[in-house]
Amino acid sequence: MFTRERAGMRPDEYVDWRSKGFWWPEGTVDGATLAAGGHHLFDGTFTWPVLTARGTAITRNIRTLAEFCRRHGLEFAPHGKTTMAPTLLDAQLRAGAWAITVATANQALVCRRLGIPRVLLANQLLDPTALRWLAGEAERGFELLLQVDSVAGARAAADALAAAGGTRPLRVLVELGFPGGRTGCRDTAALVEVARAVAAAERIELAGVTGYEGGLPGVDEVEGYLDGFVAATRELSAEGLLPAEVLVSAGGSAYFDVVARRLAGQWLPGHTLRTVLRSGAYVTHDEGFYREHTPFRRIPGEGSLDAALELWAQVLSTPEPGLAIAGLGKRDVSYDEGLPVPLRLRRADGTTVPAGGLRVTRLNDHHAYLAVPPDAPDAPGPGDLVCFGISHPCTAFDKWRAIPVLADDDTVSDVLHLYF
């Protein structure tokens, strides 16, 4: 399913005694060899807890968003910070992604070392050391787009270019935010001021306008923000600050339908627009936050996404009626956008039954408290395995060094190695 075409097998992509969830007490094995060995989730290759990824679900999700972007005339720069898994970044690029988005200078460095040709850094970068490095890499052909939302940000980039030497410019996007939001200029006047600072700086080119709507509470607020985004972009055009081809970018995983509706197309007279979507969590989706917030609930005719991540943990204790303790916790699973969701139980004899109303009520570092209904038809017992869905994949991936990819029959088809 997944191949390592871009940079080949890297020397740190192996499984050994340091790989949580894998039971490999002696020696090392690379992911390809492990996958070729016919190993199974329940044959002793793994211990608990272990986070797994369903390969068919990931493949469908990547194809679904690629097709959505093509239908709506969008370029796609999926946010790599969700997974930081080279195999998945390669798969997204092979499916037609225009670039990979990152959040930090370290993530940009990872992408450069992986051979990814174009990166969008979706934050203002002020660290002079990292900026000088990026300037040097741009001189060697690395295509990178930075965001700025202040005159200080434009000045920091210009100073780094001057210190690094060379002749190749850095391309930047000015960012429009909203009151109470994360980053970005709070109004059009501030955006124009930053764009003017970019225009006045040596070796910095204004490529376009960017924003992020994900912190807004609903569709109406997102539509209002994006309408303001369009108006602000038109104001920059009227001021003569935009190039012939303008890049506009937005889009998390909760409102990409609204971004397509408001930002796609050629709505800026005198310029060619390239609209770039940056969704990231879609690649594995989830059983919690994004199950409820995916745009495909509003536009079911456009497709659907499948939850790909499953965390398997063992029931350690049933110390009192109505309570079971499973061996997973905050060290293993995301909990910032909802607790894990019990999906099914696997008995010692291999039979599988639905989770029967089990509910996680709280997590410790290594323990999950499961409320067991008194009328549960299949109450868990010590030693049973529980399969959990997760909520918010972005804070699940970073807790693991390697994740086995499973085929539909629970055999290992690959191993994802993570670069956090």
Protein backbone atom coordinates (compact mmCIF):
# COMPACT_ATOMS: atom_id res chain seq x y z
CA MET A 1 0.00 0.00 0.00
CA PHE A 2 2.57 2.58 1.08
CA THR A 3 6.09 2.79 -0.35
CA ARG A 4 9.16 4.84 0.49
CA GLU A 5 9.86 6.28 -2.94
CA ARG A 6 11.18 9.71 -2.05
CA ALA A 7 14.16 9.13 0.22
CA GLY A 8 14.36 5.36 0.63
CA MET A 9 14.60 3.48 3.91
CA ARG A 10 16.24 5.71 6.49
CA PRO A 11 18.66 4.29 9.04
CA ASP A 12 16.46 5.09 12.04
CA GLU A 13 13.38 3.37 10.59
CA TYR A 14 13.47 0.14 12.51
CA VAL A 15 11.73 -1.60 15.36
CA ASP A 16 13.56 -2.80 18.46
CA TRP A 17 13.20 -2.87 22.25
CA ARG A 18 12.60 0.91 22.28
CA SER A 19 9.49 0.68 20.12
CA LYS A 20 6.46 0.98 22.39
CA GLY A 21 3.72 -1.48 21.55
CA PHE A 22 6.00 -3.83 19.62
CA TRP A 23 7.38 -6.86 21.42
CA TRP A 24 10.88 -7.12 19.94
CA PRO A 25 13.20 -7.75 22.92
CA GLU A 26 16.23 -8.83 20.85
CA GLY A 27 17.78 -7.34 17.71
CA THR A 28 16.20 -4.93 15.26
CA VAL A 29 13.91 -5.23 12.25
CA ASP A 30 12.95 -2.67 9.63
CA GLY A 31 9.33 -2.07 8.77
CA ALA A 32 9.47 -3.68 5.33
CA THR A 33 10.95 -6.90 6.71
CA LEU A 34 8.43 -6.98 9.53
CA ALA A 35 5.57 -6.49 7.09
CA ALA A 36 6.91 -9.22 4.79
CA GLY A 37 6.97 -11.65 7.71
CA GLY A 38 3.20 -12.12 7.85
CA HIS A 39 2.98 -10.90 11.43
CA HIS A 40 -0.46 -10.52 12.98
CA LEU A 41 -1.77 -8.14 15.61
CA PHE A 42 -2.53 -11.04 17.96
CA ASP A 43 0.37 -13.42 17.31
CA GLY A 44 2.72 -12.10 20.02
CA THR A 45 4.48 -9.49 17.88
CA PHE A 46 2.82 -6.76 19.95
CA THR A 47 2.17 -5.96 23.56
CA TRP A 48 -0.40 -3.61 25.06
CA PRO A 49 -1.18 -0.84 24.62
CA VAL A 50 -0.42 -0.46 20.93
CA LEU A 51 -1.66 2.18 18.49
CA THR A 52 -2.49 0.76 15.05
CA ALA A 53 -3.50 2.29 11.71
CA ARG A 54 -5.90 0.71 9.22
CA GLY A 55 -4.24 0.90 5.82
CA THR A 56 -7.39 0.72 3.71
CA ALA A 57 -8.95 3.60 5.66
CA ILE A 58 -5.87 5.80 5.18
CA THR A 59 -5.79 5.03 1.46
CA ARG A 60 -9.46 5.95 1.09
CA ASN A 61 -9.07 9.15 3.09
CA ILE A 62 -6.09 10.35 1.05
CA ARG A 63 -7.97 9.63 -2.18
CA THR A 64 -11.15 11.32 -0.93
CA LEU A 65 -9.51 14.68 -0.11
CA ALA A 66 -7.39 14.61 -3.28
CA GLU A 67 -10.55 14.13 -5.34
CA PHE A 68 -12.40 16.84 -3.39
CA CYS A 69 -9.61 19.32 -4.15
CA ARG A 70 -9.56 18.42 -7.83
CA ARG A 71 -13.33 18.84 -8.13
CA HIS A 72 -13.21 22.28 -6.55
CA GLY A 73 -10.10 23.59 -8.29
CA LEU A 74 -8.02 23.66 -5.11
CA GLU A 75 -4.35 22.92 -4.61
CA PHE A 76 -3.67 20.78 -1.55
CA ALA A 77 -0.88 21.23 1.01
CA PRO A 78 -1.87 18.76 3.77
CA HIS A 79 -0.61 19.64 7.22
CA GLY A 80 2.29 17.30 7.96
CA LYS A 81 2.30 18.07 11.69
CA THR A 82 -0.64 15.69 12.11
CA THR A 83 1.46 12.59 11.47
CA MET A 84 5.11 13.55 10.76
CA ALA A 85 5.24 10.13 9.09
CA PRO A 86 7.37 10.13 5.91
CA THR A 87 5.41 7.23 4.43
CA LEU A 88 2.15 9.18 4.72
CA LEU A 89 3.67 12.43 3.46
CA ASP A 90 4.93 10.52 0.41
CA ALA A 91 1.49 9.00 -0.14
CA GLN A 92 -0.16 12.42 0.02
CA LEU A 93 2.31 13.87 -2.48
CA ARG A 94 1.82 10.93 -4.84
CA ALA A 95 -1.93 11.54 -4.64
CA GLY A 96 -1.36 15.04 -6.03
CA ALA A 97 -0.56 17.27 -3.04
CA TRP A 98 1.06 20.53 -4.20
CA ALA A 99 3.12 20.93 -1.01
CA ILE A 100 3.35 19.81 2.61
CA THR A 101 2.41 22.25 5.38
CA VAL A 102 4.37 22.36 8.64
CA ALA A 103 4.09 24.31 11.88
CA THR A 104 7.70 24.73 13.04
CA ALA A 105 11.24 25.19 11.77
CA ASN A 106 12.12 21.69 13.00
CA GLN A 107 9.32 20.22 10.92
CA ALA A 108 10.57 22.17 7.90
CA LEU A 109 14.02 20.69 8.53
CA VAL A 110 12.55 17.18 8.59
CA CYS A 111 10.78 17.81 5.28
CA ARG A 112 13.97 19.12 3.72
CA ARG A 113 15.90 16.05 4.82
CA LEU A 114 13.13 13.81 3.49
CA GLY A 115 13.45 15.41 0.07
CA ILE A 116 10.04 17.09 0.02
CA PRO A 117 10.38 19.78 -2.67
CA ARG A 118 7.87 22.40 -1.50
CA VAL A 119 6.89 23.34 2.07
CA LEU A 120 4.46 25.88 3.48
CA LEU A 121 5.39 26.97 7.01
CA ALA A 122 2.06 28.01 8.51
CA ASN A 123 3.47 30.25 11.24
CA GLN A 124 5.52 33.40 11.53
CA LEU A 125 9.16 32.45 12.02
CA LEU A 126 11.32 34.80 14.12
CA ASP A 127 14.29 32.61 15.10
CA PRO A 128 17.31 34.10 13.27
CA THR A 129 19.23 30.81 13.31
CA ALA A 130 16.41 28.90 11.63
CA LEU A 131 15.71 31.77 9.23
CA ARG A 132 19.33 31.88 8.09
CA TRP A 133 19.27 28.13 7.50
CA LEU A 134 16.06 28.42 5.49
CA ALA A 135 17.54 31.26 3.46
CA GLY A 136 20.53 29.08 2.65
CA GLU A 137 18.33 26.13 1.67
CA ALA A 138 16.21 28.39 -0.53
CA GLU A 139 19.42 29.43 -2.27
CA ARG A 140 19.98 25.72 -3.02
CA GLY A 141 16.52 25.28 -4.53
CA PHE A 142 14.29 24.46 -1.55
CA GLU A 143 10.88 26.02 -2.19
CA LEU A 144 9.52 27.37 1.09
CA LEU A 145 6.72 29.80 1.83
CA LEU A 146 6.66 31.62 5.17
CA GLN A 147 3.84 33.45 6.94
CA VAL A 148 4.17 36.90 8.51
CA ASP A 149 1.67 38.88 10.54
CA SER A 150 3.83 41.75 11.75
CA VAL A 151 6.41 44.26 10.58
CA ALA A 152 8.81 42.53 12.99
CA GLY A 153 8.29 39.26 11.14
CA ALA A 154 9.10 40.83 7.80
CA ARG A 155 12.19 42.50 9.26
CA ALA A 156 13.40 39.23 10.83
CA ALA A 157 13.18 37.46 7.48
CA ALA A 158 14.97 40.30 5.67
CA ASP A 159 17.76 40.39 8.26
CA ALA A 160 18.27 36.63 7.98
CA LEU A 161 18.53 36.86 4.20
CA ALA A 162 21.11 39.63 4.47
CA ALA A 163 23.16 37.60 6.98
CA ALA A 164 22.97 34.41 4.91
CA GLY A 165 24.05 36.06 1.67
CA GLY A 166 22.98 34.86 -1.75
CA THR A 167 20.50 36.28 -4.21
CA ARG A 168 17.38 34.11 -4.15
CA PRO A 169 14.36 35.73 -2.42
CA LEU A 170 12.06 34.19 0.17
CA ARG A 171 8.37 34.13 -0.65
CA VAL A 172 5.98 35.05 2.16
CA LEU A 173 2.26 35.13 2.79
CA VAL A 174 0.70 37.81 4.95
CA GLU A 175 -1.70 36.30 7.48
CA LEU A 176 -5.15 37.57 8.33
CA GLY A 177 -6.54 36.44 11.68
CA PHE A 178 -9.60 37.41 13.70
CA PRO A 179 -10.17 38.93 17.17
CA GLY A 180 -9.54 36.39 19.90
CA GLY A 181 -8.02 33.95 17.43
CA ARG A 182 -4.57 32.51 17.20
CA THR A 183 -2.18 34.46 14.96
CA GLY A 184 -2.65 36.83 12.04
CA CYS A 185 -3.35 40.54 11.57
CA ARG A 186 -6.60 41.46 13.25
CA ASP A 187 -7.90 43.76 10.53
CA THR A 188 -7.31 44.86 6.95
CA ALA A 189 -5.39 48.00 7.92
CA ALA A 190 -2.83 45.92 9.83
CA LEU A 191 -2.60 43.46 6.94
CA VAL A 192 -1.87 46.30 4.50
CA GLU A 193 0.82 47.64 6.84
CA VAL A 194 2.57 44.26 6.97
CA ALA A 195 2.27 43.81 3.21
CA ARG A 196 3.91 47.20 2.70
CA ALA A 197 6.74 46.19 5.03
CA VAL A 198 7.25 43.04 2.96
CA ALA A 199 7.26 45.05 -0.26
CA ALA A 200 9.87 47.45 1.16
CA ALA A 201 12.21 44.69 2.37
CA GLU A 202 15.01 43.41 0.17
CA ARG A 203 14.80 39.84 -1.16
CA ILE A 204 11.32 39.16 0.24
CA GLU A 205 8.49 38.60 -2.20
CA LEU A 206 4.83 38.75 -1.25
CA ALA A 207 3.21 35.60 -2.63
CA GLY A 208 -0.29 36.09 -1.25
CA VAL A 209 -2.58 35.90 1.76
CA THR A 210 -3.19 33.14 4.28
CA GLY A 211 -5.47 32.49 7.22
CA TYR A 212 -6.87 29.83 9.51
CA GLU A 213 -10.57 29.54 10.27
CA GLY A 214 -10.47 26.46 12.51
CA GLY A 215 -10.75 28.37 15.79
CA LEU A 216 -14.19 29.76 14.91
CA PRO A 217 -17.30 28.17 16.43
CA GLY A 218 -19.48 27.55 13.39
CA VAL A 219 -20.20 27.87 9.69
CA ASP A 220 -21.72 31.36 9.93
CA GLU A 221 -18.62 32.73 11.67
CA VAL A 222 -16.31 31.01 9.18
CA GLU A 223 -18.25 32.43 6.23
CA GLY A 224 -18.00 35.92 7.74
CA TYR A 225 -14.27 35.53 8.30
CA LEU A 226 -13.65 34.28 4.76
CA ASP A 227 -15.72 37.10 3.29
CA GLY A 228 -13.44 39.49 5.19
CA PHE A 229 -10.45 37.53 3.86
CA VAL A 230 -11.63 38.11 0.28
CA ALA A 231 -12.24 41.81 0.95
CA ALA A 232 -8.78 42.21 2.52
CA THR A 233 -7.12 40.46 -0.43
CA ARG A 234 -8.92 42.80 -2.82
CA GLU A 235 -7.68 45.75 -0.78
CA LEU A 236 -4.08 44.53 -1.13
CA SER A 237 -4.66 44.30 -4.87
CA ALA A 238 -6.04 47.84 -4.99
CA GLU A 239 -2.90 49.00 -3.17
CA GLY A 240 -0.74 47.40 -5.85
CA LEU A 241 0.90 45.03 -3.36
CA LEU A 242 0.10 41.65 -4.92
CA PRO A 243 1.92 39.79 -7.71
CA ALA A 244 0.35 38.58 -10.95
CA GLU A 245 -0.23 35.10 -9.49
CA VAL A 246 -1.64 35.27 -5.97
CA LEU A 247 -1.63 32.35 -3.57
CA VAL A 248 -4.47 32.30 -1.03
CA SER A 249 -4.53 29.59 1.62
CA ALA A 250 -6.77 28.45 4.46
CA GLY A 251 -8.52 25.34 5.63
CA GLY A 252 -8.29 22.96 8.55
CA SER A 253 -10.21 19.68 8.69
CA ALA A 254 -13.49 21.07 10.05
CA TYR A 255 -14.52 23.68 7.45
CA PHE A 256 -12.81 22.82 4.17
CA ASP A 257 -16.20 22.82 2.43
CA VAL A 258 -16.70 26.47 3.38
CA VAL A 259 -13.17 27.33 2.26
CA ALA A 260 -13.87 25.72 -1.12
CA ARG A 261 -17.14 27.60 -1.46
CA ARG A 262 -15.72 31.00 -0.50
CA LEU A 263 -12.12 30.96 -1.79
CA ALA A 264 -12.02 28.70 -4.86
CA GLY A 265 -12.21 30.22 -8.32
CA GLN A 266 -10.90 33.40 -9.94
CA TRP A 267 -12.43 36.18 -7.86
CA LEU A 268 -9.54 38.68 -7.96
CA PRO A 269 -9.60 40.69 -11.21
CA GLY A 270 -6.21 41.31 -12.75
CA HIS A 271 -4.60 38.33 -11.00
CA THR A 272 -4.47 34.56 -11.33
CA LEU A 273 -5.47 32.90 -8.08
CA ARG A 274 -4.04 29.67 -6.68
CA THR A 275 -6.13 28.53 -3.70
CA VAL A 276 -4.39 26.10 -1.34
CA LEU A 277 -6.19 23.96 1.25
CA ARG A 278 -4.17 22.81 4.29
CA SER A 279 -6.26 20.12 6.04
CA GLY A 280 -4.26 17.53 8.00
CA ALA A 281 -6.32 15.43 10.43
CA TYR A 282 -8.41 14.01 7.57
CA VAL A 283 -5.68 11.46 6.78
CA THR A 284 -6.71 9.22 9.68
CA HIS A 285 -9.93 10.98 10.77
CA ASP A 286 -11.19 9.81 14.20
CA GLU A 287 -14.07 8.47 16.30
CA GLY A 288 -14.56 11.71 18.25
CA PHE A 289 -14.03 15.36 17.40
CA TYR A 290 -13.67 15.01 13.64
CA ARG A 291 -16.39 12.38 13.36
CA GLU A 292 -18.71 15.11 14.62
CA HIS A 293 -17.11 18.05 12.82
CA THR A 294 -16.13 16.70 9.41
CA PRO A 295 -17.54 18.83 6.57
CA PHE A 296 -18.81 15.64 4.95
CA ARG A 297 -21.67 15.69 7.46
CA ARG A 298 -22.81 18.86 5.66
CA ILE A 299 -21.96 17.62 2.15
CA PRO A 300 -22.50 13.83 2.27
CA GLY A 301 -22.69 13.63 -1.51
CA GLU A 302 -19.04 14.69 -1.74
CA GLY A 303 -17.61 11.71 0.12
CA SER A 304 -16.83 10.43 3.60
CA LEU A 305 -13.83 9.68 5.78
CA ASP A 306 -12.99 6.57 7.81
CA ALA A 307 -11.41 6.46 11.26
CA ALA A 308 -8.06 4.72 10.76
CA LEU A 309 -6.45 4.76 14.21
CA GLU A 310 -7.26 2.08 16.79
CA LEU A 311 -5.61 1.71 20.17
CA TRP A 312 -5.65 -1.76 21.70
CA ALA A 313 -5.25 -2.10 25.46
CA GLN A 314 -5.75 -4.88 27.97
CA VAL A 315 -8.16 -4.89 30.87
CA LEU A 316 -5.94 -4.96 33.96
CA SER A 317 -8.52 -5.07 36.72
CA THR A 318 -12.24 -5.13 37.46
CA PRO A 319 -11.94 -4.10 41.11
CA GLU A 320 -15.60 -3.25 41.78
CA PRO A 321 -19.00 -3.48 40.08
CA GLY A 322 -19.39 -1.02 37.25
CA LEU A 323 -15.64 -0.33 36.87
CA ALA A 324 -12.90 -1.77 34.69
CA ILE A 325 -9.35 -0.47 34.47
CA ALA A 326 -7.60 -0.70 31.11
CA GLY A 327 -3.89 -0.31 30.56
CA LEU A 328 -3.73 2.89 28.55
CA GLY A 329 -3.46 6.50 29.61
CA LYS A 330 -2.31 10.01 28.83
CA ARG A 331 1.10 8.70 27.73
CA ASP A 332 -0.55 6.72 24.95
CA VAL A 333 -3.61 8.48 23.59
CA SER A 334 -5.02 11.94 22.86
CA TYR A 335 -7.45 13.42 25.37
CA ASP A 336 -7.50 17.17 24.59
CA GLU A 337 -10.55 16.93 22.28
CA GLY A 338 -12.34 14.02 23.90
CA LEU A 339 -11.52 10.75 25.65
CA PRO A 340 -10.96 7.43 23.84
CA VAL A 341 -14.06 5.61 22.62
CA PRO A 342 -14.39 1.86 23.38
CA LEU A 343 -15.40 0.06 20.18
CA ARG A 344 -15.17 -3.68 20.82
CA LEU A 345 -13.83 -6.38 23.14
CA ARG A 346 -11.64 -9.34 22.23
CA ARG A 347 -11.79 -12.33 24.53
CA ALA A 348 -8.90 -14.68 25.26
CA ASP A 349 -10.43 -17.24 22.86
CA GLY A 350 -10.33 -14.70 20.02
CA THR A 351 -14.04 -13.93 19.90
CA THR A 352 -14.92 -10.27 19.40
CA VAL A 353 -18.03 -8.52 20.69
CA PRO A 354 -19.22 -4.88 20.67
CA ALA A 355 -18.06 -2.74 23.59
CA GLY A 356 -21.59 -2.80 24.98
CA GLY A 357 -21.93 0.70 26.39
CA LEU A 358 -18.47 0.92 27.94
CA ARG A 359 -17.36 4.52 28.46
CA VAL A 360 -14.02 6.03 29.44
CA THR A 361 -14.58 8.48 32.29
CA ARG A 362 -11.00 9.57 33.00
CA LEU A 363 -7.33 8.83 32.33
CA ASN A 364 -4.23 8.60 34.49
CA ASP A 365 -0.76 8.39 32.99
CA HIS A 366 -1.14 4.66 32.27
CA HIS A 367 -4.70 3.76 33.28
CA ALA A 368 -8.15 4.31 31.78
CA TYR A 369 -11.28 4.14 33.94
CA LEU A 370 -14.13 2.42 32.11
CA ALA A 371 -17.69 2.73 33.34
CA VAL A 372 -19.47 -0.60 32.78
CA PRO A 373 -23.29 -0.45 32.61
CA PRO A 374 -25.00 -2.88 35.02
CA ASP A 375 -26.92 -4.43 32.14
CA ALA A 376 -23.92 -4.72 29.80
CA PRO A 377 -24.36 -7.98 27.86
CA ASP A 378 -20.61 -8.56 27.63
CA ALA A 379 -18.83 -7.04 30.61
CA PRO A 380 -15.04 -6.95 30.30
CA GLY A 381 -12.86 -9.22 32.42
CA PRO A 382 -9.16 -9.14 33.32
CA GLY A 383 -7.05 -10.02 30.30
CA ASP A 384 -9.64 -9.03 27.71
CA LEU A 385 -8.50 -6.62 25.02
CA VAL A 386 -10.41 -3.44 24.30
CA CYS A 387 -10.19 -1.68 20.94
CA PHE A 388 -10.51 2.07 21.37
CA GLY A 389 -11.14 4.75 18.79
CA ILE A 390 -9.42 8.06 19.40
CA SER A 391 -10.41 11.71 19.23
CA HIS A 392 -8.04 14.24 17.61
CA PRO A 393 -5.27 12.34 15.81
CA CYS A 394 -2.82 15.26 15.95
CA THR A 395 -2.12 14.59 19.63
CA ALA A 396 -2.14 10.79 19.32
CA PHE A 397 0.61 10.31 16.74
CA ASP A 398 3.23 12.19 18.75
CA LYS A 399 3.04 9.68 21.61
CA TRP A 400 4.45 6.86 19.49
CA ARG A 401 7.78 6.08 17.82
CA ALA A 402 6.34 3.56 15.35
CA ILE A 403 2.80 2.51 14.41
CA PRO A 404 1.95 -0.77 12.66
CA VAL A 405 -0.25 -0.47 9.60
CA LEU A 406 -2.82 -3.28 9.51
CA ALA A 407 -4.58 -4.89 6.59
CA ASP A 408 -8.24 -5.76 7.00
CA ASP A 409 -7.31 -9.22 8.31
CA ASP A 410 -5.14 -7.68 11.08
CA THR A 411 -1.85 -8.66 9.45
CA VAL A 412 0.93 -6.08 9.40
CA SER A 413 1.29 -4.44 5.97
CA ASP A 414 3.76 -1.69 6.91
CA VAL A 415 5.13 0.33 9.81
CA LEU A 416 4.80 4.10 10.12
CA HIS A 417 7.91 5.74 11.61
CA LEU A 418 7.23 9.12 13.21
CA TYR A 419 9.52 12.15 13.20
CA PHE A 420 8.40 14.27 16.16
